Protein backbone atom coordinates (compact mmCIF):
# COMPACT_ATOMS: atom_id res chain seq x y z
CA MET A 1 115.47 215.65 141.59
CA PRO A 2 113.42 217.61 144.77
CA LYS A 3 113.88 221.04 142.49
CA LYS A 4 112.72 219.23 139.94
CA LYS A 5 110.07 217.86 141.24
CA PHE A 6 109.17 221.48 142.97
CA SER A 7 108.75 222.45 139.58
CA PRO A 8 105.68 225.17 138.57
CA SER A 9 104.14 222.23 136.32
CA GLY A 10 101.37 221.66 138.99
CA GLY A 11 100.76 225.62 139.20
CA ALA A 12 100.42 225.35 135.42
CA ARG A 13 98.03 222.59 135.47
CA GLU A 14 95.64 224.01 138.20
CA GLU A 15 96.13 227.55 135.77
CA LYS A 16 94.91 225.03 132.47
CA ARG A 17 92.25 223.54 134.34
CA ARG A 18 90.65 227.21 135.30
CA PHE A 19 91.14 228.28 131.55
CA ARG A 20 89.57 224.98 130.12
CA TRP A 21 86.93 225.54 132.86
CA LEU A 22 86.37 229.06 131.32
CA LEU A 23 86.91 228.10 128.03
CA TYR A 24 83.99 225.61 128.71
CA GLN A 25 81.63 228.14 130.47
CA LYS A 26 82.05 230.17 127.52
CA SER A 27 81.22 227.57 125.15
CA LYS A 28 78.27 227.02 126.73
CA ALA A 29 76.95 230.76 127.25
CA TYR A 30 78.22 231.21 123.32
CA PRO A 31 78.43 228.64 120.76
CA SER A 32 81.84 227.82 119.27
CA ARG A 33 80.70 229.10 115.59
CA PRO A 34 79.21 231.96 116.10
CA ILE A 35 79.86 232.74 111.99
CA SER A 36 77.95 229.67 111.42
CA ASN A 37 75.20 230.25 113.21
CA LYS A 38 74.91 233.30 111.86
CA LYS A 39 75.04 232.20 108.20
CA ASP A 40 72.89 229.88 109.63
CA MET A 41 70.44 232.35 110.98
CA LEU A 42 70.79 234.45 107.48
CA LYS A 43 70.12 231.76 104.89
CA PRO A 44 66.06 231.42 106.00
CA ILE A 45 65.68 234.86 106.65
CA ARG A 46 67.22 235.92 103.12
CA ARG A 47 65.11 232.86 101.67
CA SER A 48 61.82 234.17 103.36
């Protein structure tokens, strides 16, 4: 039991949290769908 309790799940959880935080910050800086945004920006340029 003590060995199971000392499993690296906690560390993995912390790393996952860090990874999610980095992803959240990146999603804030860059949109999740840059290709669709590029297409949306190209559509009006082609029309005009």
